[in-house]
N, C-alpha and C. Protein backbone atom coordinates (compact mmCIF):
# COMPACT_ATOMS: atom_id res chain seq x y z
N MET A 1 21.22 -23.52 -7.77
CA MET A 1 21.79 -22.89 -8.91
C MET A 1 20.52 -21.72 -8.30
N SER A 2 21.44 -20.89 -8.24
CA SER A 2 19.89 -19.58 -7.77
C SER A 2 18.70 -18.52 -8.50
N LEU A 3 17.98 -18.56 -8.33
CA LEU A 3 17.16 -17.38 -9.28
C LEU A 3 16.93 -15.61 -9.15
N GLN A 4 16.64 -15.48 -9.96
CA GLN A 4 17.26 -13.99 -9.99
C GLN A 4 15.22 -13.35 -9.49
N ASP A 5 14.30 -13.99 -10.27
CA ASP A 5 12.92 -14.09 -10.19
C ASP A 5 12.18 -15.64 -9.26
N ILE A 6 11.70 -14.69 -8.03
CA ILE A 6 11.30 -16.25 -6.70
C ILE A 6 10.47 -16.72 -8.11
N ALA A 7 9.80 -15.31 -8.77
CA ALA A 7 8.13 -16.24 -9.76
C ALA A 7 8.94 -17.55 -10.49
N GLN A 8 9.53 -17.85 -10.88
CA GLN A 8 10.22 -19.47 -11.34
C GLN A 8 10.32 -20.80 -10.27
N LYS A 9 10.14 -20.22 -9.05
CA LYS A 9 10.30 -21.26 -7.85
C LYS A 9 9.14 -21.68 -8.75
N ALA A 10 7.82 -21.38 -8.62
CA ALA A 10 6.97 -22.08 -8.82
C ALA A 10 6.26 -22.89 -9.51
N TYR A 11 7.15 -22.48 -10.82
CA TYR A 11 7.28 -24.10 -11.86
C TYR A 11 7.10 -25.62 -11.47
N ALA A 12 8.39 -25.41 -10.26
CA ALA A 12 8.95 -26.32 -10.52
C ALA A 12 7.97 -26.61 -9.51
N TYR A 13 6.35 -26.30 -8.70
CA TYR A 13 5.20 -27.39 -7.77
C TYR A 13 4.12 -27.14 -8.82
N ASP A 14 4.29 -26.52 -10.29
CA ASP A 14 3.78 -26.68 -11.35
C ASP A 14 2.42 -25.88 -10.98
N VAL A 15 2.89 -24.33 -10.45
CA VAL A 15 1.19 -23.31 -9.30
C VAL A 15 1.51 -22.78 -10.77
N ALA A 16 1.08 -21.83 -10.75
CA ALA A 16 0.51 -20.58 -11.40
C ALA A 16 1.37 -19.28 -11.26
N SER A 17 2.05 -18.79 -11.26
CA SER A 17 3.01 -17.64 -11.42
C SER A 17 3.36 -15.49 -12.27
N GLU A 18 3.66 -14.81 -11.48
CA GLU A 18 3.50 -13.97 -12.30
C GLU A 18 4.33 -12.98 -11.26
N PHE A 19 5.01 -11.76 -12.20
CA PHE A 19 6.06 -11.04 -12.04
C PHE A 19 5.22 -9.72 -11.94
N VAL A 20 5.64 -9.27 -11.23
CA VAL A 20 4.58 -8.07 -11.35
C VAL A 20 5.56 -6.49 -10.87
N ASP A 21 4.78 -5.96 -11.15
CA ASP A 21 5.94 -4.60 -11.84
C ASP A 21 5.37 -3.46 -10.04
N GLY A 22 6.11 -3.96 -9.64
CA GLY A 22 5.51 -3.46 -7.49
C GLY A 22 5.02 -1.89 -7.36
N MET A 23 6.21 -0.71 -8.87
CA MET A 23 5.87 0.89 -8.69
C MET A 23 4.92 0.66 -9.52
N ASP A 24 4.48 0.04 -10.13
CA ASP A 24 3.66 0.34 -11.10
C ASP A 24 1.54 0.10 -10.92
N VAL A 25 0.91 1.03 -10.37
CA VAL A 25 0.05 0.91 -9.31
C VAL A 25 -1.10 0.17 -10.43
N LEU A 26 -1.14 0.14 -11.64
CA LEU A 26 -1.92 -0.33 -12.93
C LEU A 26 -1.92 -1.69 -12.75
N ALA A 27 -0.46 -2.30 -12.76
CA ALA A 27 -0.31 -3.34 -12.89
C ALA A 27 -0.26 -4.23 -12.03
N VAL A 28 -0.24 -4.01 -10.11
CA VAL A 28 -0.60 -4.71 -9.55
C VAL A 28 -1.56 -4.82 -9.62
N ARG A 29 -2.53 -3.79 -9.89
CA ARG A 29 -4.36 -4.06 -9.55
C ARG A 29 -5.16 -4.74 -10.68
N ALA A 30 -4.23 -5.34 -11.64
CA ALA A 30 -3.76 -6.10 -13.12
C ALA A 30 -3.90 -7.59 -12.03
N THR A 31 -3.15 -7.77 -11.23
CA THR A 31 -2.77 -8.74 -10.15
C THR A 31 -4.04 -10.13 -9.92
N LEU A 32 -5.60 -8.71 -9.62
CA LEU A 32 -6.91 -9.33 -9.21
C LEU A 32 -7.69 -10.42 -10.08
N ARG A 33 -6.56 -10.54 -11.53
CA ARG A 33 -7.32 -12.22 -12.16
C ARG A 33 -6.71 -13.23 -11.38
N ALA A 34 -5.45 -12.63 -10.00
CA ALA A 34 -5.03 -14.23 -10.00
C ALA A 34 -6.04 -14.47 -8.52
N VAL A 35 -6.53 -13.09 -7.72
CA VAL A 35 -7.21 -13.56 -7.09
C VAL A 35 -8.37 -15.28 -7.98
N GLU A 36 -8.89 -13.23 -8.59
CA GLU A 36 -10.48 -14.46 -9.15
C GLU A 36 -10.32 -16.11 -10.15
N ARG A 37 -8.99 -15.90 -10.14
CA ARG A 37 -8.31 -17.75 -10.23
C ARG A 37 -8.27 -18.46 -9.28
N ALA A 38 -8.57 -17.88 -8.24
CA ALA A 38 -8.38 -18.70 -7.00
C ALA A 38 -9.61 -18.95 -6.47
N ARG A 39 -10.19 -17.84 -5.96
CA ARG A 39 -12.02 -18.00 -6.45
C ARG A 39 -12.70 -19.28 -7.27
N ARG A 40 -12.16 -18.66 -8.82
CA ARG A 40 -13.00 -20.07 -9.31
C ARG A 40 -13.07 -21.52 -9.86
N GLU A 41 -11.16 -21.49 -9.18
CA GLU A 41 -10.36 -22.79 -9.48
C GLU A 41 -10.28 -23.11 -8.92
N SER A 42 -10.28 -22.27 -7.18
CA SER A 42 -9.06 -23.19 -5.75
C SER A 42 -8.03 -23.04 -6.60
N LEU A 43 -6.97 -22.16 -7.21
CA LEU A 43 -4.93 -22.87 -6.91
C LEU A 43 -5.03 -21.52 -6.36
N PRO A 44 -3.79 -21.67 -6.44
CA PRO A 44 -2.56 -20.50 -5.99
C PRO A 44 -2.42 -19.83 -7.38
N THR A 45 -2.35 -19.42 -6.28
CA THR A 45 -0.69 -18.68 -8.09
C THR A 45 0.06 -17.85 -6.60
N LEU A 46 1.93 -17.13 -7.41
CA LEU A 46 2.44 -16.99 -6.87
C LEU A 46 3.02 -15.79 -7.81
N LEU A 47 2.87 -14.66 -6.61
CA LEU A 47 3.07 -13.08 -6.99
C LEU A 47 4.41 -12.51 -7.04
N GLU A 48 5.37 -12.28 -7.32
CA GLU A 48 6.88 -11.72 -7.15
C GLU A 48 6.09 -10.07 -8.20
N VAL A 49 5.54 -9.42 -6.71
CA VAL A 49 5.63 -8.29 -6.90
C VAL A 49 6.72 -7.55 -6.13
N ARG A 50 7.68 -7.13 -7.20
CA ARG A 50 8.78 -6.11 -6.91
C ARG A 50 8.21 -4.50 -6.63
N THR A 51 9.13 -4.21 -5.55
CA THR A 51 9.18 -3.29 -4.94
C THR A 51 11.06 -2.03 -4.95
N TYR A 52 10.59 -0.86 -4.92
CA TYR A 52 11.73 -0.57 -3.98
C TYR A 52 11.87 -0.04 -2.65
N ARG A 53 11.76 -0.16 -1.71
CA ARG A 53 12.21 0.63 -0.48
C ARG A 53 12.99 2.35 -0.03
N PHE A 54 12.40 3.54 -0.48
CA PHE A 54 13.42 4.43 -1.02
C PHE A 54 14.28 5.29 0.27
N MET A 55 13.86 3.84 2.23
CA MET A 55 14.31 4.92 2.61
C MET A 55 15.17 3.15 3.54
N GLY A 56 15.57 2.81 4.65
CA GLY A 56 15.68 1.52 5.33
C GLY A 56 15.38 1.46 5.76
N HIS A 57 15.44 -0.09 6.55
CA HIS A 57 14.45 -0.60 6.96
C HIS A 57 13.01 -0.80 8.16
N SER A 58 14.69 0.36 8.70
CA SER A 58 14.35 0.98 9.93
C SER A 58 14.63 1.80 10.62
N MET A 59 13.99 2.49 11.67
CA MET A 59 14.43 3.69 11.81
C MET A 59 16.54 3.77 12.34
N SER A 60 17.03 3.08 12.28
CA SER A 60 18.59 2.79 13.33
C SER A 60 19.01 2.12 11.99
N ASP A 61 18.20 2.60 10.49
CA ASP A 61 18.67 1.37 9.56
C ASP A 61 19.57 3.26 8.74
N PRO A 62 20.78 3.30 8.38
CA PRO A 62 20.22 4.76 7.63
C PRO A 62 20.55 4.47 6.02
N GLY A 63 20.81 3.38 5.60
CA GLY A 63 20.95 2.56 4.35
C GLY A 63 22.41 3.11 3.59
N ASN A 64 22.97 2.85 4.58
CA ASN A 64 24.63 3.36 3.33
C ASN A 64 25.72 2.79 2.47
N TYR A 65 24.50 1.30 2.53
CA TYR A 65 24.51 0.79 1.74
C TYR A 65 24.20 0.55 0.21
N ARG A 66 23.52 2.01 -0.06
CA ARG A 66 22.98 2.29 -1.64
C ARG A 66 23.64 3.98 -1.80
N THR A 67 23.57 4.62 -3.12
CA THR A 67 23.90 6.05 -2.79
C THR A 67 23.24 6.06 -3.70
N ARG A 68 23.36 7.82 -3.68
CA ARG A 68 22.31 8.74 -3.67
C ARG A 68 21.42 8.39 -4.92
N ALA A 69 22.66 8.75 -5.81
CA ALA A 69 22.11 7.74 -7.24
C ALA A 69 21.38 7.30 -7.31
N GLU A 70 21.93 5.38 -6.51
CA GLU A 70 20.45 4.71 -6.90
C GLU A 70 19.05 4.91 -6.62
N ILE A 71 19.32 5.62 -5.35
CA ILE A 71 17.51 6.43 -4.54
C ILE A 71 17.68 6.80 -6.12
N GLU A 72 17.43 8.30 -6.01
CA GLU A 72 17.18 9.38 -6.66
C GLU A 72 16.94 7.63 -8.28
N LYS A 73 17.35 7.46 -8.42
CA LYS A 73 17.20 7.36 -10.39
C LYS A 73 16.05 6.00 -10.03
N HIS A 74 15.75 4.95 -9.13
CA HIS A 74 14.77 4.94 -8.08
C HIS A 74 13.25 5.70 -8.04
N GLN A 75 12.79 6.73 -7.70
CA GLN A 75 12.41 8.15 -7.10
C GLN A 75 11.34 8.64 -8.17
N GLU A 76 12.71 8.49 -9.43
CA GLU A 76 11.58 8.86 -10.69
C GLU A 76 10.92 7.47 -11.26
N ARG A 77 10.46 6.64 -10.31
CA ARG A 77 9.69 5.76 -10.96
C ARG A 77 8.64 5.14 -9.68
N ASP A 78 8.49 6.21 -8.39
CA ASP A 78 7.48 6.35 -7.58
C ASP A 78 6.50 5.68 -7.95
N PRO A 79 5.56 5.64 -7.59
CA PRO A 79 4.43 4.60 -7.73
C PRO A 79 3.24 5.92 -7.82
N ILE A 80 3.02 7.26 -6.84
CA ILE A 80 2.54 8.11 -7.07
C ILE A 80 2.63 8.65 -8.57
N LYS A 81 3.64 9.12 -8.69
CA LYS A 81 3.81 9.36 -9.77
C LYS A 81 3.51 9.45 -10.93
N LEU A 82 4.42 8.01 -11.15
CA LEU A 82 3.74 7.36 -12.25
C LEU A 82 2.33 6.97 -12.80
N PHE A 83 1.94 6.96 -11.86
CA PHE A 83 0.13 6.91 -11.86
C PHE A 83 -0.81 8.86 -11.43
N THR A 84 -0.02 9.49 -11.52
CA THR A 84 -0.49 10.58 -11.41
C THR A 84 -0.56 10.70 -12.45
N SER A 85 0.34 10.46 -13.70
CA SER A 85 0.87 11.23 -15.01
C SER A 85 0.84 10.22 -15.89
N THR A 86 -0.10 8.87 -15.21
CA THR A 86 -0.80 7.99 -16.34
C THR A 86 -2.32 8.65 -16.76
N LEU A 87 -2.88 9.32 -15.25
CA LEU A 87 -4.46 9.63 -15.10
C LEU A 87 -4.58 10.29 -16.36
N LYS A 88 -3.13 11.72 -15.77
CA LYS A 88 -3.22 12.98 -16.51
C LYS A 88 -3.21 12.47 -17.96
N ARG A 89 -2.12 11.70 -18.07
CA ARG A 89 -2.51 11.26 -19.97
C ARG A 89 -3.52 10.80 -20.59
N LYS A 90 -4.65 9.97 -19.34
CA LYS A 90 -5.33 9.05 -19.70
C LYS A 90 -7.11 9.88 -19.35
N THR A 91 -6.52 11.72 -19.22
CA THR A 91 -8.26 11.97 -18.29
C THR A 91 -8.50 13.42 -18.97
N SER A 92 -6.67 13.35 -19.60
CA SER A 92 -6.79 14.81 -20.09
C SER A 92 -7.44 15.95 -20.60
N SER A 93 -8.58 14.97 -22.11
CA SER A 93 -9.30 15.61 -22.93
C SER A 93 -10.13 15.09 -22.32
N THR A 94 -11.10 14.99 -20.82
CA THR A 94 -12.42 14.72 -20.02
C THR A 94 -12.44 15.43 -18.96
N THR A 95 -11.37 15.28 -18.67
CA THR A 95 -11.83 16.36 -16.84
C THR A 95 -10.41 17.80 -17.03
N PRO A 96 -11.57 18.23 -15.75
CA PRO A 96 -10.53 19.53 -16.15
C PRO A 96 -9.83 18.67 -15.07
N ALA A 97 -8.52 20.35 -14.99
CA ALA A 97 -7.57 20.07 -15.11
C ALA A 97 -6.62 19.74 -13.63
N SER A 98 -7.13 20.20 -12.87
CA SER A 98 -7.19 19.80 -11.09
C SER A 98 -8.45 19.25 -10.60
N PRO A 99 -8.18 18.23 -9.90
CA PRO A 99 -9.04 16.98 -8.99
C PRO A 99 -10.04 17.91 -7.84
N LYS A 100 -10.75 16.84 -7.98
CA LYS A 100 -11.36 18.41 -6.59
C LYS A 100 -10.98 18.07 -5.72
N TRP A 101 -10.44 17.18 -5.01
CA TRP A 101 -9.87 16.80 -3.66
C TRP A 101 -8.94 17.64 -3.69
N LYS A 102 -7.53 18.17 -4.85
CA LYS A 102 -6.71 19.17 -4.48
C LYS A 102 -6.37 20.61 -4.59
N ASN A 103 -7.90 19.99 -4.43
CA ASN A 103 -8.26 22.09 -4.17
C ASN A 103 -9.09 22.42 -3.04
N ARG A 104 -9.72 21.18 -2.53
CA ARG A 104 -10.36 21.19 -0.61
C ARG A 104 -8.87 21.81 -0.34
N PRO A 105 -9.26 22.74 0.70
CA PRO A 105 -7.83 22.43 1.52
C PRO A 105 -7.57 21.68 2.70
N ALA A 106 -6.28 21.67 3.22
CA ALA A 106 -6.06 20.02 4.21
C ALA A 106 -6.70 20.21 5.33
N LYS A 107 -7.40 19.58 6.18
CA LYS A 107 -7.58 19.31 7.81
C LYS A 107 -6.70 19.44 7.95
N PRO A 108 -6.47 19.93 9.84
CA PRO A 108 -5.53 20.00 10.42
C PRO A 108 -5.40 18.86 11.21
N TRP A 109 -4.81 18.20 11.02
CA TRP A 109 -3.89 17.02 12.02
C TRP A 109 -3.55 16.91 13.91
N ASN A 110 -4.30 16.74 14.90
CA ASN A 110 -3.62 17.11 15.49
C ASN A 110 -3.85 15.65 16.48
N GLY A 111 -3.48 14.84 15.87
CA GLY A 111 -3.29 13.67 16.82
C GLY A 111 -4.06 12.74 17.17
N PRO A 112 -4.56 11.92 18.09
CA PRO A 112 -5.31 10.99 18.36
C PRO A 112 -5.62 11.61 19.39
N SER A 113 -5.96 12.37 19.21
CA SER A 113 -6.84 13.17 20.68
C SER A 113 -7.95 14.06 19.37
N SER A 114 -8.03 14.68 18.29
CA SER A 114 -8.60 14.50 17.46
C SER A 114 -9.80 13.47 17.14
N LEU A 115 -9.56 12.70 17.34
CA LEU A 115 -9.92 11.20 16.78
C LEU A 115 -11.89 11.22 17.58
N PRO A 116 -13.09 11.34 17.54
CA PRO A 116 -13.91 10.70 18.10
C PRO A 116 -14.01 9.75 19.29
N LYS A 117 -14.78 10.34 21.13
CA LYS A 117 -13.96 8.45 21.81
C LYS A 117 -15.27 8.05 21.03
N PRO A 118 -14.79 6.14 22.28
CA PRO A 118 -15.42 5.46 21.26
C PRO A 118 -17.00 5.39 23.55
N ALA A 119 -17.97 5.31 23.07
CA ALA A 119 -18.37 5.50 24.34
C ALA A 119 -18.48 4.07 24.70
N PRO A 120 -18.37 4.56 26.44
CA PRO A 120 -17.54 3.30 27.11
C PRO A 120 -18.71 1.78 26.72
N ASN A 121 -19.86 1.93 27.35
CA ASN A 121 -20.63 0.52 26.62
C ASN A 121 -20.54 -0.22 25.44
N ARG A 122 -19.90 0.28 24.81
CA ARG A 122 -19.40 0.28 23.09
C ARG A 122 -18.39 -0.37 23.07
N LEU A 123 -17.51 -0.53 24.22
CA LEU A 123 -16.05 -1.34 23.95
C LEU A 123 -16.34 -3.27 23.50
N PRO A 124 -15.93 -3.54 22.51
CA PRO A 124 -16.07 -5.21 22.44
C PRO A 124 -16.08 -6.38 23.43
N LYS A 125 -16.96 -7.18 23.89
CA LYS A 125 -16.69 -8.08 24.86
C LYS A 125 -16.01 -8.57 25.57
N ASN A 126 -14.83 -8.40 24.61
CA ASN A 126 -13.70 -8.97 24.51
C ASN A 126 -11.99 -8.95 24.85
N SER A 127 -12.92 -6.68 25.12
CA SER A 127 -11.35 -6.26 24.79
C SER A 127 -10.29 -6.25 25.94
N THR A 128 -10.16 -5.82 26.20
CA THR A 128 -8.60 -5.93 26.89
C THR A 128 -9.28 -4.63 28.67
N HIS A 129 -9.79 -4.28 28.34
CA HIS A 129 -10.15 -2.92 28.75
C HIS A 129 -10.75 -3.24 30.45
N THR A 130 -9.78 -2.88 31.53
CA THR A 130 -10.64 -3.06 33.02
C THR A 130 -10.55 -2.35 33.87
N SER A 131 -11.04 -1.31 33.33
CA SER A 131 -11.14 -0.34 34.02
C SER A 131 -11.97 -0.85 34.39
N THR A 132 -12.77 -0.45 35.56
CA THR A 132 -14.31 -0.20 36.38
C THR A 132 -15.16 0.89 36.62
N ARG A 133 -13.81 1.48 35.76
CA ARG A 133 -14.46 3.48 37.34
C ARG A 133 -15.87 4.28 35.96
N LYS A 134 -16.33 4.20 36.56
CA LYS A 134 -17.44 5.08 35.52
C LYS A 134 -17.02 6.75 34.99
N VAL A 135 -17.57 6.15 34.28
CA VAL A 135 -16.77 7.18 33.03
C VAL A 135 -17.97 8.39 33.75
N THR A 136 -17.97 9.77 34.26
CA THR A 136 -19.39 10.83 33.59
C THR A 136 -19.02 11.99 33.69
N SER A 137 -20.29 12.79 33.01
CA SER A 137 -19.72 14.16 32.48
C SER A 137 -19.33 15.42 33.60
N ASP A 138 -18.88 15.95 33.34
CA ASP A 138 -18.10 16.97 33.53
C ASP A 138 -19.38 18.37 33.88
N LYS A 139 -20.38 18.08 33.13
CA LYS A 139 -21.65 18.37 32.99
C LYS A 139 -22.51 18.32 34.27
């Protein structure tokens, strides 16, 4: 017999299990109780966190097996949209209309070249870096 809910498989092994709506940030966060139970009682929990993938499996997967209407239906439950609306609803009476991070201009991303370079002597000892060339300054 096949099961729709993988979390039910845990019953056969007498293991705690939970089904979680993976599109709900707060519901996923609430599963921390399983981590707490594991730490406190050394017991496992099978978590089934069901989400929806908006795009194909890879660049070569056009996703022709789903209709546009199906994708749009699931996009209405986008985790970011749901969490944003929950935060607005819960904090509308106590906070300003726009959070501070929304008012800041975004810093332009120039790719990896914009990141600071580590000093050569700071590379880990087990690094695969094999160059013996000395790094010198242009100054």
